[in-house]
Amino acid sequence: MLTPDTVYALDTDWIITGEDPVFSSPAVDGNIVYFGDANYLNAFSTVTGKVVWAYPTGTLIDSSPAVANGMVYVGSRDDSVYAFSAKTGALAWSVATGNQVFSSPTVANGTVYIGSYDKKLYALNAKTGATLWTATTGGVICSSPAVANGVVYVGSTDDKIYAYSAASGYPLWSVTTGNMVVSSPAVAYGIVYVGSGDGKLYALNARTGATVWTATTSGAVDSAAVAAGVVYAGSGDGNLYAFDALGGSVLWSAYTGNGVDTRAAIANGQVFVGAGNSRLYAFALNAGTNAVYHRDTTAPSVRMLRPNPSLSITH
């Protein structure tokens, strides 16, 4: 089991290398990992690193897939949202939006929520792809929605964070920040946490949008993750920050040496985050220190994974 005592021993199990960059973050369900590359949505075995299936969208997939109820959902730069069988890769449906889709889908209560470059937030029936409603913002939506207590929250490049009724798309409130909001919100304790390009992390009342607190860093703040009363958020200033979830005070920060523009993953008493220097960092979850447990430097860069015979799989 991965613990603070065993994380030092992490080693590479397998690597799949190709030619082009991968911007999609992986989603793992059972023994399969799903992610997009320059042409395909891929499903690989987490045990062997071999291709289970791959579907060609024909263009770059920045969107990170979501897996729910035996289906995989993802957006693509071909202006579409796709749904596949998680087991076989068979296409269940696709829906055309008005522009490219960088946003990652969120699935809740039988609905897929996802933003598009056409400035709209889409609510799609998860089984059929039928459009339930759309809501239009004043900017491009790269942010991935968060859904909690019947409300969907999403950021936009018009510098705002929006709250809509998850059932109808009725606008509940919006809050203006000091710059674009391309990060994805997190909801906990009745508070919405969202980073902005103005260098601030905003904590907003989930029901009203009223500001609970803000915390300022020296760079654009990316998507937040929340656990055990602490909010973890990376910044373009190269730090991972740990904030008190209710008061906003900085509990600790850790400098990685390069910008942190990925959402932290929290598991087994540790917080994991990637940085722009091609390293994966693991920190004590609530230790109040910035001690690094492990840094993975085996891969000099992020590389494209393409399901064809020219791939090299190394164990």
C-alpha atoms as a PDB file:
ATOM      1  CA  MET A   1       0.000   0.000   0.000  1.00  0.00           C
ATOM      2  CA  LEU A   2       1.243   3.489  -0.853  1.00  0.00           C
ATOM      3  CA  THR A   3       2.002   5.374   2.364  1.00  0.00           C
ATOM      4  CA  PRO A   4       4.393   8.146   3.460  1.00  0.00           C
ATOM      5  CA  ASP A   5       6.779   5.349   4.476  1.00  0.00           C
ATOM      6  CA  THR A   6       6.672   3.545   1.130  1.00  0.00           C
ATOM      7  CA  VAL A   7       6.379   6.415  -1.358  1.00  0.00           C
ATOM      8  CA  TYR A   8      10.185   6.717  -1.432  1.00  0.00           C
ATOM      9  CA  ALA A   9      10.286   3.340  -3.163  1.00  0.00           C
ATOM     10  CA  LEU A  10       8.074   4.345  -6.094  1.00  0.00           C
ATOM     11  CA  ASP A  11       9.537   3.170  -9.379  1.00  0.00           C
ATOM     12  CA  THR A  12       8.454   3.107 -13.009  1.00  0.00           C
ATOM     13  CA  ASP A  13       6.363   0.047 -13.871  1.00  0.00           C
ATOM     14  CA  TRP A  14       5.948   0.795 -17.580  1.00  0.00           C
ATOM     15  CA  ILE A  15       6.309   3.678 -20.016  1.00  0.00           C
ATOM     16  CA  ILE A  16       4.621   4.146 -23.374  1.00  0.00           C
ATOM     17  CA  THR A  17       6.357   6.623 -25.653  1.00  0.00           C
ATOM     18  CA  GLY A  18       5.291   8.248 -28.873  1.00  0.00           C
ATOM     19  CA  GLU A  19       5.880  11.455 -30.791  1.00  0.00           C
ATOM     20  CA  ASP A  20       3.457  14.181 -29.709  1.00  0.00           C
ATOM     21  CA  PRO A  21       2.437  15.797 -26.413  1.00  0.00           C
ATOM     22  CA  VAL A  22      -0.418  14.626 -24.188  1.00  0.00           C
ATOM     23  CA  PHE A  23      -2.506  17.325 -22.479  1.00  0.00           C
ATOM     24  CA  SER A  24      -5.381  15.137 -21.254  1.00  0.00           C
ATOM     25  CA  SER A  25      -5.122  13.932 -17.652  1.00  0.00           C
ATOM     26  CA  PRO A  26      -5.760  10.214 -17.112  1.00  0.00           C
ATOM     27  CA  ALA A  27      -8.832   8.683 -15.520  1.00  0.00           C
ATOM     28  CA  VAL A  28      -8.461   5.262 -13.919  1.00  0.00           C
ATOM     29  CA  ASP A  29     -11.323   2.820 -13.461  1.00  0.00           C
ATOM     30  CA  GLY A  30     -10.509  -0.717 -12.345  1.00  0.00           C
ATOM     31  CA  ASN A  31      -7.496  -1.923 -14.309  1.00  0.00           C
ATOM     32  CA  ILE A  32      -7.909   0.504 -17.199  1.00  0.00           C
ATOM     33  CA  VAL A  33      -6.505   4.021 -17.630  1.00  0.00           C
ATOM     34  CA  TYR A  34      -8.203   6.367 -20.109  1.00  0.00           C
ATOM     35  CA  PHE A  35      -6.696   9.494 -21.675  1.00  0.00           C
ATOM     36  CA  GLY A  36      -6.628  11.459 -24.903  1.00  0.00           C
ATOM     37  CA  ASP A  37      -3.763  12.315 -27.236  1.00  0.00           C
ATOM     38  CA  ALA A  38      -3.395  14.046 -30.607  1.00  0.00           C
ATOM     39  CA  ASN A  39      -5.757  11.684 -32.434  1.00  0.00           C
ATOM     40  CA  TYR A  40      -7.298   9.103 -30.100  1.00  0.00           C
ATOM     41  CA  LEU A  41      -9.121   8.484 -26.883  1.00  0.00           C
ATOM     42  CA  ASN A  42      -7.116   5.605 -25.448  1.00  0.00           C
ATOM     43  CA  ALA A  43      -7.780   2.804 -22.986  1.00  0.00           C
ATOM     44  CA  PHE A  44      -4.675   1.045 -21.670  1.00  0.00           C
ATOM     45  CA  SER A  45      -4.215  -1.755 -19.177  1.00  0.00           C
ATOM     46  CA  THR A  46      -2.753  -0.416 -15.938  1.00  0.00           C
ATOM     47  CA  VAL A  47      -1.096  -3.808 -15.413  1.00  0.00           C
ATOM     48  CA  THR A  48       0.643  -4.328 -18.755  1.00  0.00           C
ATOM     49  CA  GLY A  49       0.601  -0.924 -20.448  1.00  0.00           C
ATOM     50  CA  LYS A  50      -0.988  -2.509 -23.528  1.00  0.00           C
ATOM     51  CA  VAL A  51      -3.821  -1.016 -25.554  1.00  0.00           C
ATOM     52  CA  VAL A  52      -7.311  -2.231 -24.606  1.00  0.00           C
ATOM     53  CA  TRP A  53      -9.003  -0.041 -27.215  1.00  0.00           C
ATOM     54  CA  ALA A  54      -8.570   3.301 -28.959  1.00  0.00           C
ATOM     55  CA  TYR A  55     -11.052   5.522 -30.769  1.00  0.00           C
ATOM     56  CA  PRO A  56      -9.835   8.045 -33.373  1.00  0.00           C
ATOM     57  CA  THR A  57     -11.401  11.474 -33.013  1.00  0.00           C
ATOM     58  CA  GLY A  58      -8.880  12.752 -35.558  1.00  0.00           C
ATOM     59  CA  THR A  59      -7.830  15.779 -33.543  1.00  0.00           C
ATOM     60  CA  LEU A  60      -6.222  16.725 -30.252  1.00  0.00           C
ATOM     61  CA  ILE A  61      -8.017  15.852 -27.012  1.00  0.00           C
ATOM     62  CA  ASP A  62      -7.161  18.303 -24.221  1.00  0.00           C
ATOM     63  CA  SER A  63     -10.224  17.306 -22.195  1.00  0.00           C
ATOM     64  CA  SER A  64      -9.682  14.745 -19.441  1.00  0.00           C
ATOM     65  CA  PRO A  65     -12.134  11.835 -19.603  1.00  0.00           C
ATOM     66  CA  ALA A  66     -14.722  11.029 -16.938  1.00  0.00           C
ATOM     67  CA  VAL A  67     -15.830   7.453 -16.244  1.00  0.00           C
ATOM     68  CA  ALA A  68     -19.295   6.714 -14.861  1.00  0.00           C
ATOM     69  CA  ASN A  69     -21.744   3.803 -15.039  1.00  0.00           C
ATOM     70  CA  GLY A  70     -19.717   1.868 -17.587  1.00  0.00           C
ATOM     71  CA  MET A  71     -19.252   4.839 -19.904  1.00  0.00           C
ATOM     72  CA  VAL A  72     -16.358   7.170 -20.720  1.00  0.00           C
ATOM     73  CA  TYR A  73     -17.079  10.818 -21.589  1.00  0.00           C
ATOM     74  CA  VAL A  74     -14.632  13.278 -23.136  1.00  0.00           C
ATOM     75  CA  GLY A  75     -14.478  16.490 -25.186  1.00  0.00           C
ATOM     76  CA  SER A  76     -12.365  17.121 -28.276  1.00  0.00           C
ATOM     77  CA  ARG A  77     -10.999  19.935 -30.411  1.00  0.00           C
ATOM     78  CA  ASP A  78     -13.268  18.742 -33.216  1.00  0.00           C
ATOM     79  CA  ASP A  79     -16.050  20.664 -31.387  1.00  0.00           C
ATOM     80  CA  SER A  80     -17.655  17.485 -30.037  1.00  0.00           C
ATOM     81  CA  VAL A  81     -18.429  15.663 -26.798  1.00  0.00           C
ATOM     82  CA  TYR A  82     -18.178  11.863 -26.960  1.00  0.00           C
ATOM     83  CA  ALA A  83     -19.521   8.935 -24.941  1.00  0.00           C
ATOM     84  CA  PHE A  84     -17.974   5.454 -25.257  1.00  0.00           C
ATOM     85  CA  SER A  85     -18.439   2.054 -23.713  1.00  0.00           C
ATOM     86  CA  ALA A  86     -15.712   1.892 -21.075  1.00  0.00           C
ATOM     87  CA  LYS A  87     -15.201  -1.813 -21.755  1.00  0.00           C
ATOM     88  CA  THR A  88     -15.163  -1.969 -25.546  1.00  0.00           C
ATOM     89  CA  GLY A  89     -14.674   1.610 -26.786  1.00  0.00           C
ATOM     90  CA  ALA A  90     -17.863   1.413 -28.863  1.00  0.00           C
ATOM     91  CA  LEU A  91     -19.229   4.887 -29.582  1.00  0.00           C
ATOM     92  CA  ALA A  92     -22.519   5.434 -27.757  1.00  0.00           C
ATOM     93  CA  TRP A  93     -23.118   9.008 -28.931  1.00  0.00           C
ATOM     94  CA  SER A  94     -21.454  12.272 -29.881  1.00  0.00           C
ATOM     95  CA  VAL A  95     -22.783  15.817 -29.619  1.00  0.00           C
ATOM     96  CA  ALA A  96     -21.514  18.780 -31.620  1.00  0.00           C
ATOM     97  CA  THR A  97     -20.979  22.050 -29.758  1.00  0.00           C
ATOM     98  CA  GLY A  98     -20.341  25.395 -31.393  1.00  0.00           C
ATOM     99  CA  ASN A  99     -16.555  25.283 -30.969  1.00  0.00           C
ATOM    100  CA  GLN A 100     -13.622  23.340 -29.537  1.00  0.00           C
ATOM    101  CA  VAL A 101     -14.004  21.556 -26.205  1.00  0.00           C
ATOM    102  CA  PHE A 102     -11.095  21.905 -23.771  1.00  0.00           C
ATOM    103  CA  SER A 103     -13.266  21.544 -20.660  1.00  0.00           C
ATOM    104  CA  SER A 104     -13.387  18.155 -18.949  1.00  0.00           C
ATOM    105  CA  PRO A 105     -16.790  16.582 -18.281  1.00  0.00           C
ATOM    106  CA  THR A 106     -18.411  16.121 -14.903  1.00  0.00           C
ATOM    107  CA  VAL A 107     -21.095  13.434 -14.556  1.00  0.00           C
ATOM    108  CA  ALA A 108     -23.772  13.732 -11.885  1.00  0.00           C
ATOM    109  CA  ASN A 109     -27.298  12.338 -11.555  1.00  0.00           C
ATOM    110  CA  GLY A 110     -27.417  11.027 -15.111  1.00  0.00           C
ATOM    111  CA  THR A 111     -26.205  14.277 -16.655  1.00  0.00           C
ATOM    112  CA  VAL A 112     -22.914  15.228 -18.316  1.00  0.00           C
ATOM    113  CA  TYR A 113     -21.850  18.836 -17.679  1.00  0.00           C
ATOM    114  CA  ILE A 114     -19.146  20.308 -19.922  1.00  0.00           C
ATOM    115  CA  GLY A 115     -18.059  23.694 -21.262  1.00  0.00           C
ATOM    116  CA  SER A 116     -17.084  24.735 -24.783  1.00  0.00           C
ATOM    117  CA  TYR A 117     -15.162  27.457 -26.575  1.00  0.00           C
ATOM    118  CA  ASP A 118     -18.540  28.648 -27.866  1.00  0.00           C
ATOM    119  CA  LYS A 119     -18.983  30.192 -24.378  1.00  0.00           C
ATOM    120  CA  LYS A 120     -21.686  27.714 -23.399  1.00  0.00           C
ATOM    121  CA  LEU A 121     -22.072  25.252 -20.566  1.00  0.00           C
ATOM    122  CA  TYR A 122     -23.840  22.095 -21.779  1.00  0.00           C
ATOM    123  CA  ALA A 123     -25.976  19.690 -19.762  1.00  0.00           C
ATOM    124  CA  LEU A 124     -26.352  16.432 -21.716  1.00  0.00           C
ATOM    125  CA  ASN A 125     -28.305  13.274 -20.963  1.00  0.00           C
ATOM    126  CA  ALA A 126     -25.599  10.768 -20.035  1.00  0.00           C
ATOM    127  CA  LYS A 127     -27.356   7.850 -21.779  1.00  0.00           C
ATOM    128  CA  THR A 128     -28.452   9.477 -25.013  1.00  0.00           C
ATOM    129  CA  GLY A 129     -26.489  12.702 -25.388  1.00  0.00           C
ATOM    130  CA  ALA A 130     -29.688  14.713 -25.718  1.00  0.00           C
ATOM    131  CA  THR A 131     -29.187  18.367 -24.754  1.00  0.00           C
ATOM    132  CA  LEU A 132     -31.084  19.113 -21.555  1.00  0.00           C
ATOM    133  CA  TRP A 133     -30.065  22.772 -21.394  1.00  0.00           C
ATOM    134  CA  THR A 134     -27.288  25.202 -22.208  1.00  0.00           C
ATOM    135  CA  ALA A 135     -26.157  28.367 -20.427  1.00  0.00           C
ATOM    136  CA  THR A 136     -24.117  31.103 -22.071  1.00  0.00           C
ATOM    137  CA  THR A 137     -21.300  33.015 -20.343  1.00  0.00           C
ATOM    138  CA  GLY A 138     -19.396  36.050 -21.561  1.00  0.00           C
ATOM    139  CA  GLY A 139     -16.214  34.117 -22.311  1.00  0.00           C
ATOM    140  CA  VAL A 140     -14.709  30.801 -23.338  1.00  0.00           C
ATOM    141  CA  ILE A 141     -15.203  27.920 -20.890  1.00  0.00           C
ATOM    142  CA  CYS A 142     -12.043  25.878 -20.328  1.00  0.00           C
ATOM    143  CA  SER A 143     -12.961  25.259 -16.698  1.00  0.00           C
ATOM    144  CA  SER A 144     -14.403  21.874 -15.770  1.00  0.00           C
ATOM    145  CA  PRO A 145     -17.707  22.112 -13.894  1.00  0.00           C
ATOM    146  CA  ALA A 146     -18.260  21.084 -10.287  1.00  0.00           C
ATOM    147  CA  VAL A 147     -21.683  19.856  -9.148  1.00  0.00           C
ATOM    148  CA  ALA A 148     -22.924  19.904  -5.565  1.00  0.00           C
ATOM    149  CA  ASN A 149     -26.341  20.081  -3.905  1.00  0.00           C
ATOM    150  CA  GLY A 150     -28.220  20.678  -7.126  1.00  0.00           C
ATOM    151  CA  VAL A 151     -25.937  23.461  -8.342  1.00  0.00           C
ATOM    152  CA  VAL A 152     -23.274  23.418 -11.082  1.00  0.00           C
ATOM    153  CA  TYR A 153     -20.304  25.797 -10.810  1.00  0.00           C
ATOM    154  CA  VAL A 154     -17.945  26.748 -13.636  1.00  0.00           C
ATOM    155  CA  GLY A 155     -15.379  29.421 -14.508  1.00  0.00           C
ATOM    156  CA  SER A 156     -15.062  31.475 -17.698  1.00  0.00           C
ATOM    157  CA  THR A 157     -12.465  33.616 -19.456  1.00  0.00           C
ATOM    158  CA  ASP A 158     -14.742  36.630 -18.882  1.00  0.00           C
ATOM    159  CA  ASP A 159     -13.150  36.681 -15.368  1.00  0.00           C
ATOM    160  CA  LYS A 160     -16.216  35.176 -13.693  1.00  0.00           C
ATOM    161  CA  ILE A 161     -17.299  32.112 -11.744  1.00  0.00           C
ATOM    162  CA  TYR A 162     -20.914  31.092 -12.391  1.00  0.00           C
ATOM    163  CA  ALA A 163     -23.498  29.082 -10.464  1.00  0.00           C
ATOM    164  CA  TYR A 164     -26.470  27.493 -12.266  1.00  0.00           C
ATOM    165  CA  SER A 165     -29.304  25.210 -11.291  1.00  0.00           C
ATOM    166  CA  ALA A 166     -28.081  21.733 -12.228  1.00  0.00           C
ATOM    167  CA  ALA A 167     -31.595  20.696 -13.213  1.00  0.00           C
ATOM    168  CA  SER A 168     -32.616  23.640 -15.381  1.00  0.00           C
ATOM    169  CA  GLY A 169     -29.562  25.800 -16.071  1.00  0.00           C
ATOM    170  CA  TYR A 170     -31.228  28.767 -14.395  1.00  0.00           C
ATOM    171  CA  PRO A 171     -28.521  31.295 -13.374  1.00  0.00           C
ATOM    172  CA  LEU A 172     -28.212  31.627  -9.607  1.00  0.00           C
ATOM    173  CA  TRP A 173     -25.254  33.982  -9.246  1.00  0.00           C
ATOM    174  CA  SER A 174     -21.942  35.043 -10.757  1.00  0.00           C
ATOM    175  CA  VAL A 175     -18.849  36.596  -9.183  1.00  0.00           C
ATOM    176  CA  THR A 176     -16.230  38.664 -10.996  1.00  0.00           C
ATOM    177  CA  THR A 177     -12.558  37.987 -10.233  1.00  0.00           C
ATOM    178  CA  GLY A 178      -9.562  40.018 -11.352  1.00  0.00           C
ATOM    179  CA  ASN A 179      -8.685  37.866 -14.363  1.00  0.00           C
ATOM    180  CA  MET A 180      -9.657  34.821 -16.399  1.00  0.00           C
ATOM    181  CA  VAL A 181     -10.972  31.746 -14.596  1.00  0.00           C
ATOM    182  CA  VAL A 182      -9.722  28.687 -16.481  1.00  0.00           C
ATOM    183  CA  SER A 183      -9.275  26.612 -13.331  1.00  0.00           C
ATOM    184  CA  SER A 184     -11.923  24.188 -12.126  1.00  0.00           C
ATOM    185  CA  PRO A 185     -13.845  24.830  -8.900  1.00  0.00           C
ATOM    186  CA  ALA A 186     -14.023  22.533  -5.882  1.00  0.00           C
ATOM    187  CA  VAL A 187     -16.931  22.503  -3.432  1.00  0.00           C
ATOM    188  CA  ALA A 188     -16.767  21.581   0.255  1.00  0.00           C
ATOM    189  CA  TYR A 189     -18.151  22.868   3.589  1.00  0.00           C
ATOM    190  CA  GLY A 190     -20.716  24.973   1.716  1.00  0.00           C
ATOM    191  CA  ILE A 191     -17.911  26.883   0.004  1.00  0.00           C
ATOM    192  CA  VAL A 192     -16.780  27.042  -3.636  1.00  0.00           C
ATOM    193  CA  TYR A 193     -12.993  27.243  -4.036  1.00  0.00           C
ATOM    194  CA  VAL A 194     -11.693  28.510  -7.367  1.00  0.00           C
ATOM    195  CA  GLY A 195      -8.407  29.936  -8.622  1.00  0.00           C
ATOM    196  CA  SER A 196      -8.042  32.914 -10.947  1.00  0.00           C
ATOM    197  CA  GLY A 197      -5.432  34.346 -13.261  1.00  0.00           C
ATOM    198  CA  ASP A 198      -5.219  37.336 -10.904  1.00  0.00           C
ATOM    199  CA  GLY A 199      -3.156  35.200  -8.509  1.00  0.00           C
ATOM    200  CA  LYS A 200      -5.949  34.694  -5.997  1.00  0.00           C
ATOM    201  CA  LEU A 201      -7.786  31.700  -4.620  1.00  0.00           C
ATOM    202  CA  TYR A 202     -11.422  32.623  -4.006  1.00  0.00           C
ATOM    203  CA  ALA A 203     -13.605  31.009  -1.346  1.00  0.00           C
ATOM    204  CA  LEU A 204     -17.244  31.825  -2.098  1.00  0.00           C
ATOM    205  CA  ASN A 205     -20.447  30.952  -0.309  1.00  0.00           C
ATOM    206  CA  ALA A 206     -21.860  28.124  -2.440  1.00  0.00           C
ATOM    207  CA  ARG A 207     -25.461  29.317  -2.034  1.00  0.00           C
ATOM    208  CA  THR A 208     -25.062  33.069  -2.523  1.00  0.00           C
ATOM    209  CA  GLY A 209     -21.652  33.667  -4.080  1.00  0.00           C
ATOM    210  CA  ALA A 210     -20.648  35.985  -1.230  1.00  0.00           C
ATOM    211  CA  THR A 211     -16.898  36.105  -0.614  1.00  0.00           C
ATOM    212  CA  VAL A 212     -15.862  34.083   2.430  1.00  0.00           C
ATOM    213  CA  TRP A 213     -12.152  34.805   1.973  1.00  0.00           C
ATOM    214  CA  THR A 214      -9.467  35.280  -0.673  1.00  0.00           C
ATOM    215  CA  ALA A 215      -5.790  34.333  -0.576  1.00  0.00           C
ATOM    216  CA  THR A 216      -3.156  35.884  -2.830  1.00  0.00           C
ATOM    217  CA  THR A 217      -0.157  34.202  -4.473  1.00  0.00           C
ATOM    218  CA  SER A 218       2.414  35.515  -6.958  1.00  0.00           C
ATOM    219  CA  GLY A 219       1.055  33.635  -9.971  1.00  0.00           C
ATOM    220  CA  ALA A 220      -2.128  32.390 -11.597  1.00  0.00           C
ATOM    221  CA  VAL A 221      -3.860  29.921  -9.282  1.00  0.00           C
ATOM    222  CA  ASP A 222      -4.956  26.593 -10.706  1.00  0.00           C
ATOM    223  CA  SER A 223      -7.682  24.146  -9.672  1.00  0.00           C
ATOM    224  CA  ALA A 224      -8.077  23.462  -5.976  1.00  0.00           C
ATOM    225  CA  ALA A 225      -8.454  20.159  -4.136  1.00  0.00           C
ATOM    226  CA  VAL A 226      -9.937  19.887  -0.637  1.00  0.00           C
ATOM    227  CA  ALA A 227      -9.385  17.315   2.119  1.00  0.00           C
ATOM    228  CA  ALA A 228      -9.706  17.301   5.907  1.00  0.00           C
ATOM    229  CA  GLY A 229     -10.209  21.031   6.278  1.00  0.00           C
ATOM    230  CA  VAL A 230      -7.354  22.015   3.966  1.00  0.00           C
ATOM    231  CA  VAL A 231      -7.429  23.454   0.443  1.00  0.00           C
ATOM    232  CA  TYR A 232      -4.474  22.578  -1.798  1.00  0.00           C
ATOM    233  CA  ALA A 233      -3.817  24.722  -4.863  1.00  0.00           C
ATOM    234  CA  GLY A 234      -0.857  25.196  -7.173  1.00  0.00           C
ATOM    235  CA  SER A 235       0.302  28.542  -8.503  1.00  0.00           C
ATOM    236  CA  GLY A 236       2.246  29.847 -11.455  1.00  0.00           C
ATOM    237  CA  ASP A 237       4.786  31.102  -8.918  1.00  0.00           C
ATOM    238  CA  GLY A 238       5.991  27.485  -8.560  1.00  0.00           C
ATOM    239  CA  ASN A 239       4.446  26.760  -5.168  1.00  0.00           C
ATOM    240  CA  LEU A 240       1.892  24.274  -3.917  1.00  0.00           C
ATOM    241  CA  TYR A 241      -0.100  25.995  -1.193  1.00  0.00           C
ATOM    242  CA  ALA A 242      -2.072  24.523   1.688  1.00  0.00           C
ATOM    243  CA  PHE A 243      -4.776  26.886   2.980  1.00  0.00           C
ATOM    244  CA  ASP A 244      -7.095  26.587   5.941  1.00  0.00           C
ATOM    245  CA  ALA A 245     -10.417  25.790   4.248  1.00  0.00           C
ATOM    246  CA  LEU A 246     -12.537  27.984   6.506  1.00  0.00           C
ATOM    247  CA  GLY A 247     -10.241  30.924   7.198  1.00  0.00           C
ATOM    248  CA  GLY A 248      -7.873  31.065   4.220  1.00  0.00           C
ATOM    249  CA  SER A 249      -4.632  31.302   6.180  1.00  0.00           C
ATOM    250  CA  VAL A 250      -1.578  29.651   4.591  1.00  0.00           C
ATOM    251  CA  LEU A 251      -0.713  26.515   6.562  1.00  0.00           C
ATOM    252  CA  TRP A 252       2.339  25.775   4.437  1.00  0.00           C
ATOM    253  CA  SER A 253       3.716  26.167   0.950  1.00  0.00           C
ATOM    254  CA  ALA A 254       6.247  24.120  -0.998  1.00  0.00           C
ATOM    255  CA  TYR A 255       8.357  25.404  -3.882  1.00  0.00           C
ATOM    256  CA  THR A 256       8.714  23.001  -6.822  1.00  0.00           C
ATOM    257  CA  GLY A 257      10.993  25.095  -9.007  1.00  0.00           C
ATOM    258  CA  ASN A 258       8.453  25.650 -11.771  1.00  0.00           C
ATOM    259  CA  GLY A 259       4.804  26.575 -12.303  1.00  0.00           C
ATOM    260  CA  VAL A 260       2.179  24.244 -10.844  1.00  0.00           C
ATOM    261  CA  ASP A 261      -0.812  24.234 -13.198  1.00  0.00           C
ATOM    262  CA  THR A 262      -2.343  20.866 -12.352  1.00  0.00           C
ATOM    263  CA  ARG A 263      -4.939  19.982  -9.732  1.00  0.00           C
ATOM    264  CA  ALA A 264      -3.447  18.100  -6.801  1.00  0.00           C
ATOM    265  CA  ALA A 265      -4.426  14.459  -6.197  1.00  0.00           C
ATOM    266  CA  ILE A 266      -4.912  13.385  -2.581  1.00  0.00           C
ATOM    267  CA  ALA A 267      -4.490   9.787  -1.442  1.00  0.00           C
ATOM    268  CA  ASN A 268      -3.057   7.728   1.403  1.00  0.00           C
ATOM    269  CA  GLY A 269      -2.023  10.651   3.577  1.00  0.00           C
ATOM    270  CA  GLN A 270      -0.203  12.449   0.787  1.00  0.00           C
ATOM    271  CA  VAL A 271      -0.824  15.167  -1.785  1.00  0.00           C
ATOM    272  CA  PHE A 272       0.591  14.600  -5.281  1.00  0.00           C
ATOM    273  CA  VAL A 273       1.156  17.346  -7.817  1.00  0.00           C
ATOM    274  CA  GLY A 274       2.966  17.791 -11.118  1.00  0.00           C
ATOM    275  CA  ALA A 275       5.060  20.834 -12.032  1.00  0.00           C
ATOM    276  CA  GLY A 276       6.371  22.419 -15.205  1.00  0.00           C
ATOM    277  CA  ASN A 277       9.810  20.910 -14.644  1.00  0.00           C
ATOM    278  CA  SER A 278       8.471  17.449 -15.638  1.00  0.00           C
ATOM    279  CA  ARG A 279       8.485  16.178 -12.061  1.00  0.00           C
ATOM    280  CA  LEU A 280       5.862  14.572  -9.872  1.00  0.00           C
ATOM    281  CA  TYR A 281       5.964  15.636  -6.232  1.00  0.00           C
ATOM    282  CA  ALA A 282       4.497  14.003  -3.139  1.00  0.00           C
ATOM    283  CA  PHE A 283       4.076  15.963   0.083  1.00  0.00           C
ATOM    284  CA  ALA A 284       2.826  15.160   3.559  1.00  0.00           C
ATOM    285  CA  LEU A 285      -0.913  15.852   3.507  1.00  0.00           C
ATOM    286  CA  ASN A 286      -1.344  17.908   6.666  1.00  0.00           C
ATOM    287  CA  ALA A 287       2.137  17.785   8.127  1.00  0.00           C
ATOM    288  CA  GLY A 288       2.683  21.523   8.077  1.00  0.00           C
ATOM    289  CA  THR A 289       5.985  20.961   6.288  1.00  0.00           C
ATOM    290  CA  ASN A 290       7.113  21.061   2.685  1.00  0.00           C
ATOM    291  CA  ALA A 291       9.229  17.913   2.813  1.00  0.00           C
ATOM    292  CA  VAL A 292       9.277  16.163  -0.552  1.00  0.00           C
ATOM    293  CA  TYR A 293       8.706  12.425  -0.332  1.00  0.00           C
ATOM    294  CA  HIS A 294       9.399  11.564  -3.950  1.00  0.00           C
ATOM    295  CA  ARG A 295      10.206  13.171  -7.262  1.00  0.00           C
ATOM    296  CA  ASP A 296       9.765  11.173 -10.457  1.00  0.00           C
ATOM    297  CA  THR A 297      12.341  12.339 -12.997  1.00  0.00           C
ATOM    298  CA  THR A 298      12.266   9.256 -15.227  1.00  0.00           C
ATOM    299  CA  ALA A 299      10.442  11.062 -18.058  1.00  0.00           C
ATOM    300  CA  PRO A 300      12.158  14.224 -19.360  1.00  0.00           C
ATOM    301  CA  SER A 301       8.956  15.484 -20.962  1.00  0.00           C
ATOM    302  CA  VAL A 302       5.288  14.724 -21.447  1.00  0.00           C
ATOM    303  CA  ARG A 303       4.918  12.616 -24.559  1.00  0.00           C
ATOM    304  CA  MET A 304       2.154  11.454 -26.831  1.00  0.00           C
ATOM    305  CA  LEU A 305       0.825   7.908 -26.437  1.00  0.00           C
ATOM    306  CA  ARG A 306      -0.456   6.570 -29.731  1.00  0.00           C
ATOM    307  CA  PRO A 307      -2.022   3.099 -30.145  1.00  0.00           C
ATOM    308  CA  ASN A 308      -0.121   1.728 -33.092  1.00  0.00           C
ATOM    309  CA  PRO A 309       2.595  -0.927 -33.666  1.00  0.00           C
ATOM    310  CA  SER A 310       5.385   1.652 -33.556  1.00  0.00           C
ATOM    311  CA  LEU A 311       4.849   2.232 -29.841  1.00  0.00           C
ATOM    312  CA  SER A 312       7.561   1.171 -27.496  1.00  0.00           C
ATOM    313  CA  ILE A 313       6.313  -0.251 -24.187  1.00  0.00           C
ATOM    314  CA  THR A 314       8.985  -0.484 -21.497  1.00  0.00           C
ATOM    315  CA  HIS A 315       8.609  -2.219 -18.167  1.00  0.00           C
END
